[in-house]
Amino acid sequence: SFKVAGQQTPDRYPIHADPGSVELQKKIEMLQLGDRVARSYDTRISQVMGSFADATKEVLIANSEGVLVDDLRTMCRFNFSTVAADTNGERRTGSHGGGGRVNFDFFDEFDPETVAKEAARMSIAQIGAIDCPAGQRTVVLSPGWSGILLHEAVGHGLEADFIHKGTSLYANQLGEKVASDLCTVIDNGELPHRRGSLNIDDEGEVAKEKVLIENGILKGFMADRLAGQILGTGSTGSGRRESYQCAPMPRMTNTYMAPGPHSHSEIIESVQDGLYCASFGGGQVDISNGNFVFEVREGYLIKDGKIDAP
């Protein structure tokens, strides 16, 4: 159990042995199995790359206010990438993976066959893809990895150091409408086993659920102790340090958009001419004005309410 200012904090992910202690041979067998599955998916799969990574971080925090707390944070990730090559010389890539604050046995369910097969499917699906039409269009984002857009284009602008410095476009909009009525954005460090989940942040504060935007109205920001003092809100359990040598700063945990009233199929059917973005790569944002650029790794046209050509 953990003690913060005399209160027991929750244990949001298991504290077990270092996953690095799992026999190396088992990890190799997982990668070899995924390699075979990906190559057997289609004869056009010309290259397969698999990776497994794990890390364990020990954290001890003590300060002059009586906080003495320690934590052991495990992180695992498993990923496959593939290259598909057609006879005409066209090459397409695909990737799939996952993980979080989990132990090695997580991959008994998130198995290498499923991961490798999805990576192979993505690369094959894009062979023969047409050029994306230029111009302004309605865009539908798939659930899951499209969260990278929310993370970059919205989340960073709601981190409180950018707010009190006045460099975020959200700096003077608290309580104002900043999004659609359908849009509720949450940052939650309490979710079990997720990549951003924490028992405590890097200042010893218990990680919390924060509603940032509710039904389109800006409700709050993510703050460490310093930003919380400046803004008068207190810490939201968002303090992050690269290491003990670095000053903390407010950063995200698990940031996501809450479900809306419409199903996936209803959203697609509502678009007559648009784009469906199924998978994303990296991107960047200018938080002073919200302008962003992102890579769509797998995309399709939408025609008459149906997903069309890649």
C-alpha atoms as a PDB file:
ATOM      1  CA  SER A   1       0.000   0.000   0.000  1.00  0.00           C
ATOM      2  CA  PHE A   2       1.039   3.601  -0.544  1.00  0.00           C
ATOM      3  CA  LYS A   3       0.777   6.495   1.888  1.00  0.00           C
ATOM      4  CA  VAL A   4       0.283  10.094   0.803  1.00  0.00           C
ATOM      5  CA  ALA A   5      -0.164  12.627   3.620  1.00  0.00           C
ATOM      6  CA  GLY A   6      -1.592   9.866   5.800  1.00  0.00           C
ATOM      7  CA  GLN A   7      -4.091   8.525   3.236  1.00  0.00           C
ATOM      8  CA  GLN A   8      -3.857   5.202   1.442  1.00  0.00           C
ATOM      9  CA  THR A   9      -3.759   5.539  -2.339  1.00  0.00           C
ATOM     10  CA  PRO A  10      -5.359   3.071  -4.759  1.00  0.00           C
ATOM     11  CA  ASP A  11      -3.367   0.382  -6.553  1.00  0.00           C
ATOM     12  CA  ARG A  12      -4.367   0.836 -10.197  1.00  0.00           C
ATOM     13  CA  TYR A  13      -1.990  -1.628 -11.765  1.00  0.00           C
ATOM     14  CA  PRO A  14      -0.423  -4.816 -10.441  1.00  0.00           C
ATOM     15  CA  ILE A  15       2.922  -4.701  -8.669  1.00  0.00           C
ATOM     16  CA  HIS A  16       4.529  -7.959  -9.735  1.00  0.00           C
ATOM     17  CA  ALA A  17       7.965  -9.109 -10.740  1.00  0.00           C
ATOM     18  CA  ASP A  18       9.841  -7.242 -13.441  1.00  0.00           C
ATOM     19  CA  PRO A  19       8.470  -8.575 -16.763  1.00  0.00           C
ATOM     20  CA  GLY A  20      12.055  -8.607 -17.985  1.00  0.00           C
ATOM     21  CA  SER A  21      12.527 -11.676 -15.798  1.00  0.00           C
ATOM     22  CA  VAL A  22      10.273 -13.694 -18.128  1.00  0.00           C
ATOM     23  CA  GLU A  23      12.392 -16.094 -20.111  1.00  0.00           C
ATOM     24  CA  LEU A  24      13.818 -14.523 -23.221  1.00  0.00           C
ATOM     25  CA  GLN A  25      12.903 -17.652 -25.157  1.00  0.00           C
ATOM     26  CA  LYS A  26       9.167 -17.022 -24.656  1.00  0.00           C
ATOM     27  CA  LYS A  27       9.474 -13.520 -26.088  1.00  0.00           C
ATOM     28  CA  ILE A  28      11.395 -14.851 -29.073  1.00  0.00           C
ATOM     29  CA  GLU A  29       8.736 -17.510 -29.671  1.00  0.00           C
ATOM     30  CA  MET A  30       6.005 -14.828 -29.665  1.00  0.00           C
ATOM     31  CA  LEU A  31       7.863 -12.795 -32.272  1.00  0.00           C
ATOM     32  CA  GLN A  32       8.549 -15.852 -34.431  1.00  0.00           C
ATOM     33  CA  LEU A  33       4.885 -16.891 -34.280  1.00  0.00           C
ATOM     34  CA  GLY A  34       3.739 -13.439 -35.346  1.00  0.00           C
ATOM     35  CA  ASP A  35       6.264 -13.455 -38.188  1.00  0.00           C
ATOM     36  CA  ARG A  36       4.831 -16.735 -39.536  1.00  0.00           C
ATOM     37  CA  VAL A  37       1.232 -15.548 -39.227  1.00  0.00           C
ATOM     38  CA  ALA A  38       1.908 -12.267 -41.053  1.00  0.00           C
ATOM     39  CA  ARG A  39       3.786 -13.943 -43.906  1.00  0.00           C
ATOM     40  CA  SER A  40       1.069 -16.569 -44.338  1.00  0.00           C
ATOM     41  CA  TYR A  41      -1.652 -13.889 -44.562  1.00  0.00           C
ATOM     42  CA  ASP A  42      -0.765 -13.020 -48.164  1.00  0.00           C
ATOM     43  CA  THR A  43       2.111 -13.877 -50.494  1.00  0.00           C
ATOM     44  CA  ARG A  44       2.644 -10.156 -51.084  1.00  0.00           C
ATOM     45  CA  ILE A  45       3.900  -9.635 -47.507  1.00  0.00           C
ATOM     46  CA  SER A  46       7.603  -9.087 -48.134  1.00  0.00           C
ATOM     47  CA  GLN A  47       8.855  -7.907 -44.752  1.00  0.00           C
ATOM     48  CA  VAL A  48       7.785  -8.388 -41.128  1.00  0.00           C
ATOM     49  CA  MET A  49       9.181  -6.573 -38.101  1.00  0.00           C
ATOM     50  CA  GLY A  50       8.159  -7.497 -34.570  1.00  0.00           C
ATOM     51  CA  SER A  51       9.148  -5.907 -31.283  1.00  0.00           C
ATOM     52  CA  PHE A  52       8.538  -6.366 -27.589  1.00  0.00           C
ATOM     53  CA  ALA A  53       9.662  -3.843 -25.000  1.00  0.00           C
ATOM     54  CA  ASP A  54       9.262  -3.664 -21.247  1.00  0.00           C
ATOM     55  CA  ALA A  55      10.472  -1.284 -18.578  1.00  0.00           C
ATOM     56  CA  THR A  56      10.146  -0.939 -14.831  1.00  0.00           C
ATOM     57  CA  LYS A  57      10.588   2.400 -13.064  1.00  0.00           C
ATOM     58  CA  GLU A  58      10.986   2.773  -9.309  1.00  0.00           C
ATOM     59  CA  VAL A  59       9.812   6.125  -7.908  1.00  0.00           C
ATOM     60  CA  LEU A  60      10.366   7.528  -4.429  1.00  0.00           C
ATOM     61  CA  ILE A  61       9.024  10.980  -3.529  1.00  0.00           C
ATOM     62  CA  ALA A  62       9.722  12.830  -0.266  1.00  0.00           C
ATOM     63  CA  ASN A  63       9.111  16.489   0.457  1.00  0.00           C
ATOM     64  CA  SER A  64       9.129  18.958   3.347  1.00  0.00           C
ATOM     65  CA  GLU A  65       5.338  18.819   3.677  1.00  0.00           C
ATOM     66  CA  GLY A  66       5.432  15.266   4.991  1.00  0.00           C
ATOM     67  CA  VAL A  67       4.736  13.388   1.778  1.00  0.00           C
ATOM     68  CA  LEU A  68       6.648  10.111   1.605  1.00  0.00           C
ATOM     69  CA  VAL A  69       5.459   7.792  -1.146  1.00  0.00           C
ATOM     70  CA  ASP A  70       6.915   5.169  -3.432  1.00  0.00           C
ATOM     71  CA  ASP A  71       5.687   3.444  -6.563  1.00  0.00           C
ATOM     72  CA  LEU A  72       6.789   0.689  -8.948  1.00  0.00           C
ATOM     73  CA  ARG A  73       5.656   1.281 -12.538  1.00  0.00           C
ATOM     74  CA  THR A  74       5.747  -1.460 -15.140  1.00  0.00           C
ATOM     75  CA  MET A  75       5.207  -0.805 -18.850  1.00  0.00           C
ATOM     76  CA  CYS A  76       5.021  -3.378 -21.672  1.00  0.00           C
ATOM     77  CA  ARG A  77       4.426  -3.010 -25.399  1.00  0.00           C
ATOM     78  CA  PHE A  78       4.132  -5.474 -28.273  1.00  0.00           C
ATOM     79  CA  ASN A  79       4.080  -4.429 -31.944  1.00  0.00           C
ATOM     80  CA  PHE A  80       4.238  -5.796 -35.501  1.00  0.00           C
ATOM     81  CA  SER A  81       4.898  -3.872 -38.718  1.00  0.00           C
ATOM     82  CA  THR A  82       4.658  -5.303 -42.233  1.00  0.00           C
ATOM     83  CA  VAL A  83       5.529  -4.292 -45.778  1.00  0.00           C
ATOM     84  CA  ALA A  84       3.447  -5.524 -48.707  1.00  0.00           C
ATOM     85  CA  ALA A  85       4.940  -5.411 -52.218  1.00  0.00           C
ATOM     86  CA  ASP A  86       2.838  -5.884 -55.358  1.00  0.00           C
ATOM     87  CA  THR A  87       4.181  -7.203 -58.670  1.00  0.00           C
ATOM     88  CA  ASN A  88       3.986  -3.691 -60.161  1.00  0.00           C
ATOM     89  CA  GLY A  89       6.448  -2.401 -57.557  1.00  0.00           C
ATOM     90  CA  GLU A  90       3.898  -0.745 -55.270  1.00  0.00           C
ATOM     91  CA  ARG A  91       4.783  -0.998 -51.580  1.00  0.00           C
ATOM     92  CA  ARG A  92       2.487  -0.395 -48.602  1.00  0.00           C
ATOM     93  CA  THR A  93       3.055  -0.619 -44.861  1.00  0.00           C
ATOM     94  CA  GLY A  94       0.888  -1.645 -41.945  1.00  0.00           C
ATOM     95  CA  SER A  95       1.368  -1.808 -38.180  1.00  0.00           C
ATOM     96  CA  HIS A  96      -0.543  -2.860 -35.089  1.00  0.00           C
ATOM     97  CA  GLY A  97       0.309  -3.196 -31.425  1.00  0.00           C
ATOM     98  CA  GLY A  98      -0.589  -2.361 -27.880  1.00  0.00           C
ATOM     99  CA  GLY A  99       0.277  -2.681 -24.232  1.00  0.00           C
ATOM    100  CA  GLY A 100       0.277  -0.472 -21.173  1.00  0.00           C
ATOM    101  CA  ARG A 101       0.872  -0.896 -17.454  1.00  0.00           C
ATOM    102  CA  VAL A 102       0.507  -4.632 -17.726  1.00  0.00           C
ATOM    103  CA  ASN A 103       2.514  -7.739 -16.991  1.00  0.00           C
ATOM    104  CA  PHE A 104       3.772 -10.182 -19.566  1.00  0.00           C
ATOM    105  CA  ASP A 105       0.695 -12.422 -19.246  1.00  0.00           C
ATOM    106  CA  PHE A 106      -1.334  -9.619 -20.870  1.00  0.00           C
ATOM    107  CA  PHE A 107      -0.069 -10.972 -24.183  1.00  0.00           C
ATOM    108  CA  ASP A 108      -1.838 -14.292 -23.641  1.00  0.00           C
ATOM    109  CA  GLU A 109      -5.008 -12.395 -24.629  1.00  0.00           C
ATOM    110  CA  PHE A 110      -3.454  -9.704 -26.846  1.00  0.00           C
ATOM    111  CA  ASP A 111      -1.739 -12.480 -28.766  1.00  0.00           C
ATOM    112  CA  PRO A 112       0.889 -12.272 -31.532  1.00  0.00           C
ATOM    113  CA  GLU A 113      -1.393 -13.918 -34.100  1.00  0.00           C
ATOM    114  CA  THR A 114      -4.004 -11.154 -33.767  1.00  0.00           C
ATOM    115  CA  VAL A 115      -1.429  -8.350 -33.796  1.00  0.00           C
ATOM    116  CA  ALA A 116       0.547  -9.669 -36.775  1.00  0.00           C
ATOM    117  CA  LYS A 117      -2.582 -10.473 -38.792  1.00  0.00           C
ATOM    118  CA  GLU A 118      -3.932  -6.931 -38.351  1.00  0.00           C
ATOM    119  CA  ALA A 119      -0.614  -5.413 -39.441  1.00  0.00           C
ATOM    120  CA  ALA A 120      -0.628  -7.617 -42.552  1.00  0.00           C
ATOM    121  CA  ARG A 121      -4.265  -6.766 -43.311  1.00  0.00           C
ATOM    122  CA  MET A 122      -3.539  -3.051 -43.158  1.00  0.00           C
ATOM    123  CA  SER A 123      -0.638  -3.208 -45.600  1.00  0.00           C
ATOM    124  CA  ILE A 124      -2.534  -5.411 -48.086  1.00  0.00           C
ATOM    125  CA  ALA A 125      -5.695  -3.250 -47.854  1.00  0.00           C
ATOM    126  CA  GLN A 126      -3.786  -0.195 -49.093  1.00  0.00           C
ATOM    127  CA  ILE A 127      -2.412  -1.829 -52.266  1.00  0.00           C
ATOM    128  CA  GLY A 128      -4.046  -0.173 -55.249  1.00  0.00           C
ATOM    129  CA  ALA A 129      -5.018   2.894 -53.220  1.00  0.00           C
ATOM    130  CA  ILE A 130      -5.963   5.974 -55.243  1.00  0.00           C
ATOM    131  CA  ASP A 131      -4.685   9.492 -54.575  1.00  0.00           C
ATOM    132  CA  CYS A 132      -6.709  11.312 -51.942  1.00  0.00           C
ATOM    133  CA  PRO A 133      -8.846  14.071 -53.515  1.00  0.00           C
ATOM    134  CA  ALA A 134      -7.702  17.574 -52.603  1.00  0.00           C
ATOM    135  CA  GLY A 135      -9.929  20.137 -50.927  1.00  0.00           C
ATOM    136  CA  GLN A 136     -12.137  20.517 -47.891  1.00  0.00           C
ATOM    137  CA  ARG A 137     -14.125  17.398 -46.940  1.00  0.00           C
ATOM    138  CA  THR A 138     -16.108  15.803 -44.159  1.00  0.00           C
ATOM    139  CA  VAL A 139     -13.762  13.511 -42.232  1.00  0.00           C
ATOM    140  CA  VAL A 140     -14.784  10.579 -40.015  1.00  0.00           C
ATOM    141  CA  LEU A 141     -12.216   9.340 -37.506  1.00  0.00           C
ATOM    142  CA  SER A 142     -12.125   5.724 -36.360  1.00  0.00           C
ATOM    143  CA  PRO A 143     -12.191   5.043 -32.615  1.00  0.00           C
ATOM    144  CA  GLY A 144      -8.914   4.199 -30.912  1.00  0.00           C
ATOM    145  CA  TRP A 145      -5.789   5.552 -32.555  1.00  0.00           C
ATOM    146  CA  SER A 146      -7.543   8.712 -33.744  1.00  0.00           C
ATOM    147  CA  GLY A 147      -7.101   9.747 -30.105  1.00  0.00           C
ATOM    148  CA  ILE A 148      -3.646  10.980 -31.154  1.00  0.00           C
ATOM    149  CA  LEU A 149      -5.405  13.924 -32.826  1.00  0.00           C
ATOM    150  CA  LEU A 150      -7.326  14.726 -29.636  1.00  0.00           C
ATOM    151  CA  HIS A 151      -4.139  14.347 -27.603  1.00  0.00           C
ATOM    152  CA  GLU A 152      -2.133  16.755 -29.729  1.00  0.00           C
ATOM    153  CA  ALA A 153      -4.698  19.247 -31.060  1.00  0.00           C
ATOM    154  CA  VAL A 154      -6.740  19.624 -27.840  1.00  0.00           C
ATOM    155  CA  GLY A 155      -4.998  17.959 -24.899  1.00  0.00           C
ATOM    156  CA  HIS A 156      -1.720  19.885 -24.921  1.00  0.00           C
ATOM    157  CA  GLY A 157      -3.595  23.172 -25.119  1.00  0.00           C
ATOM    158  CA  LEU A 158      -5.355  22.278 -21.856  1.00  0.00           C
ATOM    159  CA  GLU A 159      -2.142  21.726 -19.872  1.00  0.00           C
ATOM    160  CA  ALA A 160      -2.057  24.443 -17.232  1.00  0.00           C
ATOM    161  CA  ASP A 161       1.488  25.725 -17.773  1.00  0.00           C
ATOM    162  CA  PHE A 162       0.447  26.857 -21.258  1.00  0.00           C
ATOM    163  CA  ILE A 163      -2.702  28.357 -19.743  1.00  0.00           C
ATOM    164  CA  HIS A 164      -1.083  30.567 -17.081  1.00  0.00           C
ATOM    165  CA  LYS A 165       1.635  31.629 -19.548  1.00  0.00           C
ATOM    166  CA  GLY A 166      -1.080  32.641 -22.018  1.00  0.00           C
ATOM    167  CA  THR A 167       0.378  30.631 -24.918  1.00  0.00           C
ATOM    168  CA  SER A 168      -2.652  28.328 -25.385  1.00  0.00           C
ATOM    169  CA  LEU A 169      -5.670  29.321 -27.426  1.00  0.00           C
ATOM    170  CA  TYR A 170      -7.788  28.090 -24.446  1.00  0.00           C
ATOM    171  CA  ALA A 171      -6.125  30.519 -22.003  1.00  0.00           C
ATOM    172  CA  ASN A 172      -9.109  32.837 -21.538  1.00  0.00           C
ATOM    173  CA  GLN A 173     -11.972  30.527 -22.455  1.00  0.00           C
ATOM    174  CA  LEU A 174     -12.840  28.764 -19.196  1.00  0.00           C
ATOM    175  CA  GLY A 175     -16.612  28.347 -19.043  1.00  0.00           C
ATOM    176  CA  GLU A 176     -17.023  29.159 -22.728  1.00  0.00           C
ATOM    177  CA  LYS A 177     -18.185  26.960 -25.570  1.00  0.00           C
ATOM    178  CA  VAL A 178     -15.155  25.560 -27.409  1.00  0.00           C
ATOM    179  CA  ALA A 179     -16.589  22.455 -29.123  1.00  0.00           C
ATOM    180  CA  SER A 180     -19.749  20.720 -30.291  1.00  0.00           C
ATOM    181  CA  ASP A 181     -22.481  19.895 -27.767  1.00  0.00           C
ATOM    182  CA  LEU A 182     -21.627  16.242 -28.487  1.00  0.00           C
ATOM    183  CA  CYS A 183     -18.032  16.677 -27.327  1.00  0.00           C
ATOM    184  CA  THR A 184     -16.941  15.711 -23.797  1.00  0.00           C
ATOM    185  CA  VAL A 185     -13.199  15.319 -23.206  1.00  0.00           C
ATOM    186  CA  ILE A 186     -11.800  13.577 -20.117  1.00  0.00           C
ATOM    187  CA  ASP A 187      -8.302  13.027 -18.739  1.00  0.00           C
ATOM    188  CA  ASN A 188      -8.286  10.091 -16.344  1.00  0.00           C
ATOM    189  CA  GLY A 189      -5.287   8.585 -14.588  1.00  0.00           C
ATOM    190  CA  GLU A 190      -7.491   6.093 -12.720  1.00  0.00           C
ATOM    191  CA  LEU A 191      -8.185   3.651 -15.587  1.00  0.00           C
ATOM    192  CA  PRO A 192      -6.668   0.241 -14.801  1.00  0.00           C
ATOM    193  CA  HIS A 193      -3.624  -0.905 -16.815  1.00  0.00           C
ATOM    194  CA  ARG A 194      -3.706   1.928 -19.366  1.00  0.00           C
ATOM    195  CA  ARG A 195      -0.490   3.491 -20.605  1.00  0.00           C
ATOM    196  CA  GLY A 196      -1.121   6.802 -18.854  1.00  0.00           C
ATOM    197  CA  SER A 197      -2.500   5.367 -15.602  1.00  0.00           C
ATOM    198  CA  LEU A 198      -0.823   6.254 -12.324  1.00  0.00           C
ATOM    199  CA  ASN A 199      -1.193   5.461  -8.654  1.00  0.00           C
ATOM    200  CA  ILE A 200       0.473   8.811  -7.965  1.00  0.00           C
ATOM    201  CA  ASP A 201       1.864  11.542 -10.184  1.00  0.00           C
ATOM    202  CA  ASP A 202       5.507  12.613 -10.001  1.00  0.00           C
ATOM    203  CA  GLU A 203       4.814  15.026  -7.127  1.00  0.00           C
ATOM    204  CA  GLY A 204       3.104  12.392  -4.981  1.00  0.00           C
ATOM    205  CA  GLU A 205      -0.459  13.515  -5.773  1.00  0.00           C
ATOM    206  CA  VAL A 206      -3.093  10.850  -6.364  1.00  0.00           C
ATOM    207  CA  ALA A 207      -4.027  10.721 -10.057  1.00  0.00           C
ATOM    208  CA  LYS A 208      -7.617  11.789 -10.707  1.00  0.00           C
ATOM    209  CA  GLU A 209     -10.334  11.900 -13.335  1.00  0.00           C
ATOM    210  CA  LYS A 210     -10.663  15.408 -14.832  1.00  0.00           C
ATOM    211  CA  VAL A 211     -13.518  16.539 -17.082  1.00  0.00           C
ATOM    212  CA  LEU A 212     -11.819  19.066 -19.364  1.00  0.00           C
ATOM    213  CA  ILE A 213     -14.654  19.794 -21.826  1.00  0.00           C
ATOM    214  CA  GLU A 214     -18.260  18.893 -21.039  1.00  0.00           C
ATOM    215  CA  ASN A 215     -20.904  19.055 -23.760  1.00  0.00           C
ATOM    216  CA  GLY A 216     -18.722  21.542 -25.593  1.00  0.00           C
ATOM    217  CA  ILE A 217     -18.075  23.820 -22.567  1.00  0.00           C
ATOM    218  CA  LEU A 218     -14.490  24.233 -21.304  1.00  0.00           C
ATOM    219  CA  LYS A 219     -14.576  23.084 -17.658  1.00  0.00           C
ATOM    220  CA  GLY A 220     -10.974  22.839 -16.501  1.00  0.00           C
ATOM    221  CA  PHE A 221      -7.293  22.207 -17.074  1.00  0.00           C
ATOM    222  CA  MET A 222      -4.597  19.702 -16.114  1.00  0.00           C
ATOM    223  CA  ALA A 223      -2.341  21.157 -13.404  1.00  0.00           C
ATOM    224  CA  ASP A 224       0.711  20.252 -11.378  1.00  0.00           C
ATOM    225  CA  ARG A 225       1.205  21.860  -7.960  1.00  0.00           C
ATOM    226  CA  LEU A 226       2.840  25.054  -9.262  1.00  0.00           C
ATOM    227  CA  ALA A 227       0.303  25.701 -12.023  1.00  0.00           C
ATOM    228  CA  GLY A 228      -2.494  24.806  -9.612  1.00  0.00           C
ATOM    229  CA  GLN A 229      -1.252  27.479  -7.169  1.00  0.00           C
ATOM    230  CA  ILE A 230      -1.014  30.103  -9.897  1.00  0.00           C
ATOM    231  CA  LEU A 231      -4.505  29.357 -11.216  1.00  0.00           C
ATOM    232  CA  GLY A 232      -6.011  28.776  -7.772  1.00  0.00           C
ATOM    233  CA  THR A 233      -7.276  25.303  -8.668  1.00  0.00           C
ATOM    234  CA  GLY A 234      -4.752  23.102  -6.880  1.00  0.00           C
ATOM    235  CA  SER A 235      -3.059  20.100  -8.436  1.00  0.00           C
ATOM    236  CA  THR A 236      -5.128  17.687 -10.520  1.00  0.00           C
ATOM    237  CA  GLY A 237      -2.564  14.900 -10.122  1.00  0.00           C
ATOM    238  CA  SER A 238      -1.003  15.775 -13.493  1.00  0.00           C
ATOM    239  CA  GLY A 239       2.612  16.477 -12.431  1.00  0.00           C
ATOM    240  CA  ARG A 240       5.182  14.816 -14.691  1.00  0.00           C
ATOM    241  CA  ARG A 241       8.975  14.631 -14.417  1.00  0.00           C
ATOM    242  CA  GLU A 242      11.335  13.165 -16.967  1.00  0.00           C
ATOM    243  CA  SER A 243      13.517  12.185 -14.001  1.00  0.00           C
ATOM    244  CA  TYR A 244      14.385  13.389 -10.487  1.00  0.00           C
ATOM    245  CA  GLN A 245      16.762  15.893 -12.098  1.00  0.00           C
ATOM    246  CA  CYS A 246      13.918  17.731 -13.866  1.00  0.00           C
ATOM    247  CA  ALA A 247      11.281  20.136 -12.588  1.00  0.00           C
ATOM    248  CA  PRO A 248       7.691  18.831 -12.868  1.00  0.00           C
ATOM    249  CA  MET A 249       5.251  20.088 -15.473  1.00  0.00           C
ATOM    250  CA  PRO A 250       1.521  19.375 -16.024  1.00  0.00           C
ATOM    251  CA  ARG A 251       0.931  16.717 -18.654  1.00  0.00           C
ATOM    252  CA  MET A 252      -1.779  14.259 -19.719  1.00  0.00           C
ATOM    253  CA  THR A 253      -2.507  10.765 -18.384  1.00  0.00           C
ATOM    254  CA  ASN A 254      -5.220   8.973 -20.434  1.00  0.00           C
ATOM    255  CA  THR A 255      -7.053  11.585 -22.517  1.00  0.00           C
ATOM    256  CA  TYR A 256     -10.138  10.582 -24.476  1.00  0.00           C
ATOM    257  CA  MET A 257     -13.497  11.708 -25.816  1.00  0.00           C
ATOM    258  CA  ALA A 258     -16.564  10.233 -24.127  1.00  0.00           C
ATOM    259  CA  PRO A 259     -18.970   8.174 -26.287  1.00  0.00           C
ATOM    260  CA  GLY A 260     -21.736  10.058 -28.060  1.00  0.00           C
ATOM    261  CA  PRO A 261     -25.306   9.017 -28.928  1.00  0.00           C
ATOM    262  CA  HIS A 262     -24.546   7.732 -32.448  1.00  0.00           C
ATOM    263  CA  SER A 263     -23.179   4.368 -33.535  1.00  0.00           C
ATOM    264  CA  HIS A 264     -20.223   3.872 -35.857  1.00  0.00           C
ATOM    265  CA  SER A 265     -22.496   2.864 -38.750  1.00  0.00           C
ATOM    266  CA  GLU A 266     -24.813   5.857 -38.219  1.00  0.00           C
ATOM    267  CA  ILE A 267     -21.876   8.236 -38.469  1.00  0.00           C
ATOM    268  CA  ILE A 268     -20.633   6.656 -41.717  1.00  0.00           C
ATOM    269  CA  GLU A 269     -24.140   6.636 -43.193  1.00  0.00           C
ATOM    270  CA  SER A 270     -24.558  10.351 -42.479  1.00  0.00           C
ATOM    271  CA  VAL A 271     -21.715  11.267 -44.892  1.00  0.00           C
ATOM    272  CA  GLN A 272     -22.389  11.394 -48.630  1.00  0.00           C
ATOM    273  CA  ASP A 273     -18.910  12.403 -49.788  1.00  0.00           C
ATOM    274  CA  GLY A 274     -15.992  12.296 -47.367  1.00  0.00           C
ATOM    275  CA  LEU A 275     -12.990  10.485 -45.937  1.00  0.00           C
ATOM    276  CA  TYR A 276     -12.764   7.717 -43.346  1.00  0.00           C
ATOM    277  CA  CYS A 277      -9.488   7.712 -41.400  1.00  0.00           C
ATOM    278  CA  ALA A 278      -8.949   4.224 -39.985  1.00  0.00           C
ATOM    279  CA  SER A 279      -5.418   4.511 -38.628  1.00  0.00           C
ATOM    280  CA  PHE A 280      -3.073   7.355 -37.770  1.00  0.00           C
ATOM    281  CA  GLY A 281       0.657   8.005 -37.576  1.00  0.00           C
ATOM    282  CA  GLY A 282       2.304  10.974 -35.932  1.00  0.00           C
ATOM    283  CA  GLY A 283       1.450  14.649 -36.033  1.00  0.00           C
ATOM    284  CA  GLN A 284       2.050  18.043 -34.531  1.00  0.00           C
ATOM    285  CA  VAL A 285       0.041  21.049 -33.405  1.00  0.00           C
ATOM    286  CA  ASP A 286       0.504  24.754 -32.785  1.00  0.00           C
ATOM    287  CA  ILE A 287      -1.301  25.193 -29.444  1.00  0.00           C
ATOM    288  CA  SER A 288      -1.480  28.966 -29.881  1.00  0.00           C
ATOM    289  CA  ASN A 289      -4.036  28.639 -32.695  1.00  0.00           C
ATOM    290  CA  GLY A 290      -5.024  24.954 -32.865  1.00  0.00           C
ATOM    291  CA  ASN A 291      -3.659  24.335 -36.370  1.00  0.00           C
ATOM    292  CA  PHE A 292      -2.495  20.744 -36.763  1.00  0.00           C
ATOM    293  CA  VAL A 293      -1.000  18.287 -39.256  1.00  0.00           C
ATOM    294  CA  PHE A 294      -1.415  14.501 -39.007  1.00  0.00           C
ATOM    295  CA  GLU A 295      -0.487  11.440 -41.018  1.00  0.00           C
ATOM    296  CA  VAL A 296      -3.322   9.099 -41.998  1.00  0.00           C
ATOM    297  CA  ARG A 297      -1.790   5.633 -42.338  1.00  0.00           C
ATOM    298  CA  GLU A 298      -4.975   3.910 -43.528  1.00  0.00           C
ATOM    299  CA  GLY A 299      -7.780   5.880 -45.161  1.00  0.00           C
ATOM    300  CA  TYR A 300     -10.820   5.353 -47.391  1.00  0.00           C
ATOM    301  CA  LEU A 301     -13.262   7.431 -49.373  1.00  0.00           C
ATOM    302  CA  ILE A 302     -16.860   7.589 -48.162  1.00  0.00           C
ATOM    303  CA  LYS A 303     -19.434   7.561 -50.953  1.00  0.00           C
ATOM    304  CA  ASP A 304     -23.189   7.683 -50.365  1.00  0.00           C
ATOM    305  CA  GLY A 305     -22.855   6.625 -46.724  1.00  0.00           C
ATOM    306  CA  LYS A 306     -20.559   3.656 -47.396  1.00  0.00           C
ATOM    307  CA  ILE A 307     -16.815   3.101 -47.064  1.00  0.00           C
ATOM    308  CA  ASP A 308     -15.357   3.004 -50.587  1.00  0.00           C
ATOM    309  CA  ALA A 309     -11.903   2.873 -52.174  1.00  0.00           C
ATOM    310  CA  PRO A 310      -8.675   3.070 -50.141  1.00  0.00           C
END
